[in-house]
Protein backbone atom coordinates (compact mmCIF):
# COMPACT_ATOMS: atom_id res chain seq x y z
CA MET A 1 212.20 78.79 84.16
CA THR A 2 210.74 80.65 81.02
CA SER A 3 209.43 84.23 81.13
CA VAL A 4 206.00 83.42 81.51
CA TRP A 5 206.56 81.95 84.39
CA ILE A 6 208.73 84.11 86.29
CA THR A 7 206.23 87.02 85.35
CA ILE A 8 203.43 85.39 87.49
CA ALA A 9 206.09 84.76 90.71
CA ALA A 10 206.46 88.37 90.28
CA LEU A 11 202.89 89.37 90.28
CA ALA A 12 201.93 86.70 93.29
CA VAL A 13 204.68 88.11 95.08
CA GLY A 14 203.46 91.72 94.64
CA THR A 15 199.71 90.83 95.15
CA PHE A 16 200.69 89.38 98.48
CA ALA A 17 202.62 92.27 99.24
CA ALA A 18 200.08 94.36 98.25
CA LYS A 19 197.74 92.70 100.45
CA ILE A 20 199.84 92.40 103.54
CA ALA A 21 201.09 96.07 103.34
CA GLY A 22 198.04 97.53 104.52
CA PRO A 23 197.22 95.67 107.79
CA LEU A 24 200.70 96.37 108.76
CA THR A 25 200.64 100.34 107.99
CA VAL A 26 197.86 100.86 109.93
CA GLY A 27 197.19 98.63 112.26
CA ASP A 28 193.78 98.46 113.96
CA HIS A 29 193.00 102.09 112.70
CA VAL A 30 190.09 102.15 110.42
CA PRO A 31 189.38 105.07 108.35
CA ASP A 32 186.96 108.40 109.08
CA GLY A 33 183.51 108.12 107.14
CA ARG A 34 184.60 109.98 103.84
CA GLY A 35 187.46 108.14 104.13
CA LEU A 36 185.59 104.79 103.62
CA ARG A 37 183.54 106.28 101.49
CA VAL A 38 186.12 107.17 98.80
CA THR A 39 187.76 104.18 99.22
CA ARG A 40 184.20 101.97 98.19
CA LEU A 41 184.10 104.22 95.04
CA VAL A 42 187.64 103.64 93.82
CA ALA A 43 186.72 100.06 92.48
CA PRO A 44 183.93 100.67 90.61
CA ALA A 45 185.46 103.93 89.20
CA ILE A 46 188.80 101.78 87.63
CA LEU A 47 185.98 99.02 86.94
CA ALA A 48 183.93 101.01 84.83
CA GLY A 49 187.07 102.83 83.09
CA LEU A 50 188.80 99.84 81.89
CA VAL A 51 184.90 98.37 80.26
CA VAL A 52 184.93 101.47 78.44
CA TYR A 53 188.42 101.23 77.38
CA GLU A 54 188.40 97.45 76.12
CA THR A 55 185.04 98.61 74.36
CA PHE A 56 185.65 101.03 72.68
CA THR A 57 189.83 100.16 71.72
CA ALA A 58 190.75 97.62 68.90
CA ASP A 59 194.64 98.02 67.40
CA GLY A 60 195.49 100.93 69.04
CA GLY A 61 192.61 102.90 67.55
CA PHE A 62 188.65 103.90 68.37
CA ALA A 63 186.41 101.01 67.47
CA ILE A 64 182.52 100.61 67.20
CA ASP A 65 181.72 97.16 67.04
CA ALA A 66 180.02 93.72 68.41
CA ARG A 67 180.67 95.28 72.03
CA LEU A 68 179.39 97.88 72.29
CA ALA A 69 175.69 95.72 72.11
CA GLY A 70 177.53 93.75 74.84
CA LEU A 71 177.98 96.39 77.01
CA ALA A 72 174.66 97.91 76.08
CA ALA A 73 172.44 94.71 76.62
CA ALA A 74 174.26 94.81 80.25
CA ALA A 75 173.63 98.67 80.99
CA ALA A 76 170.28 97.35 80.05
CA GLY A 77 169.95 94.63 82.48
CA LEU A 78 171.64 96.10 85.58
CA ALA A 79 169.00 98.95 85.26
CA ALA A 80 166.47 96.65 85.05
CA ARG A 81 167.94 95.23 87.97
CA LEU A 82 168.20 91.29 86.87
CA PRO A 83 170.28 89.56 89.06
CA MET A 84 174.16 89.86 87.87
CA ILE A 85 174.00 85.99 86.28
CA VAL A 86 171.26 87.05 83.77
CA VAL A 87 173.23 90.53 82.86
CA VAL A 88 175.80 88.63 81.97
CA LEU A 89 174.35 85.45 80.13
CA LEU A 90 172.45 88.72 78.43
CA ALA A 91 175.44 90.82 77.26
CA ALA A 92 177.63 87.30 75.93
CA ALA A 93 174.04 86.79 73.76
CA ALA A 94 174.31 89.99 72.80
CA THR A 95 177.55 90.04 71.91
CA ALA A 96 177.78 86.63 69.80
CA LEU A 97 174.33 87.58 68.19
CA THR A 98 176.02 90.58 67.04
CA ARG A 99 179.30 88.97 65.86
CA ALA A 100 177.15 86.47 64.06
CA LEU A 101 174.94 89.05 61.73
CA VAL A 102 177.63 91.15 61.17
């Protein structure tokens, strides 16, 4: 078994353990209003941080390139309340066009 498959297996077991830990530890307890609101904000905040990090870093440093055009196009599409598939296609097209022109 290669190290890649060992890593995949370890991540699969870790994911399963994380998914099962919640119901096993809290049972039927439902969080109160404030705790639920905070929990709902965690995933978008982490995703936003990852998008910014991946957009502005390259080779261990700060970079501005075609990914920024795609992010700007996606932000404009979201601000215009376009469907998600249109936002993704718009961002991909803007990134591809910028890379083709530069």
